Amino acid sequence: MILSRLAGRPVLLVIGLVVAVALPWLIYPPVAMDIACWALFAAALDLLLGFTGLLSFGHAAFWGGSAYAAGLIAVHWGGVPFPVAVLGGALFAAVLALPIGYLSVRLRGIYFAMVTLAFAQMIYFVVNQWRDLTGGENGLQGVPREFFGVDLSDPFYFYYAGLPFILLGLFAVWRVVRSPFGRVLVSIRDNPARAQALGYPVERYKLLAFVLSATLSGLAGGLYAISHGFASLHEVYWTTSGQAVMAVVLGGIGTLWGGVIGAALIVELNDYLATAGFTETGLVTGGIFVVIVLVFRRGVWGTARDLLAARRRRRPAPPPADAAASDRQEVTAR
């Protein structure tokens, strides 16, 4: 049983990498890129929600702010490689998260969620009003995909150019969760008073987790804008934060894999409904979300993981080697 558990994680990792590499061969490449970006966005939010216990409704500010920052860098710094624009957007998200996180992490529960939502709406207002820079309601258009003269206009090839950023971002989330820092975050989530009594500066840890989550969300948002060639007001609207939260809850809070699976399900479902000509996609996705939350209380991946763990516990353990040998000797003597 122990060996099977140890072998399960590398197997899941290999399966995930194979799916990531094969995805543009299986579905439309732009949709594959959207799934990859939203998967990183959901994993970054899960770092804050599932492992720190902070529900943010304002992460659209970092996703969308990075999208605009990366787009502006790519547009106004002619010929700059797209990785520079993406990293510049992630840096902008980190800088933006510092004052917002500093003022927000002092609050808990619904108060934290509402304050982050308020800050995100402020960013939305600024982006909408600063038309000379952002394009206002028309969005920022004509964002190039430069990479040292390599033609990345084909979404199929751009997917493989942007995939390393997604994989590095997911690895960063996994590494943070598995580190001693991640264990402290979990202790703060479960019992902040006890963590404070043990000598951990709770607010400082929360702020660092908030900035890390925002930076990785910005990395995904910048890549999303470069992939689409534009940045729109929808990227900084509060519904974008709600969709990211829905992806995390749908897949399973605090599982990492769950956010990836939830993001893939939502993006693929929205694409299917849009191509089918159905305009009220939110009605369908919201209804499915309610049903899954009622049926799978821990999300799709979280429920599947718990069922597998329960099945392993019910499996009878093999007899010890010395007991098996004594049984064989008794049968021979008879």
Foldseek 3Di string as FASTA:
>chain_A
DVVCVVVVVVVVVVVVVVCLVCVVVPDPLLLSLQLLLLLLLLLLQLLQCQQQPFQALQLLQLLQQLQLQLQLCQVVVDQDASVVSLLRSLVVLLVVLQVLLLVQLVDDDPSSHVSSQVVLVVSLVVLQVPCVRQVHQVGFAQRERHDPPDDPPRSVVVSVVLNVLSVVSLVVSVVCCPDPLSVLSNVCNVPVVVSVVVPDPSSVSSSVSRSSSSSSSSSSSNSSSNSVRTRHSVSSHSVVSVLSVLQCQQQFRNPSVRSSVSSSVLSVQVVVCVVVVNDPSVVVSVVVSVVSCVVPVGHDNVSVVVVVVVVVVPDDDDDDPVVVVVVVVVVVVD
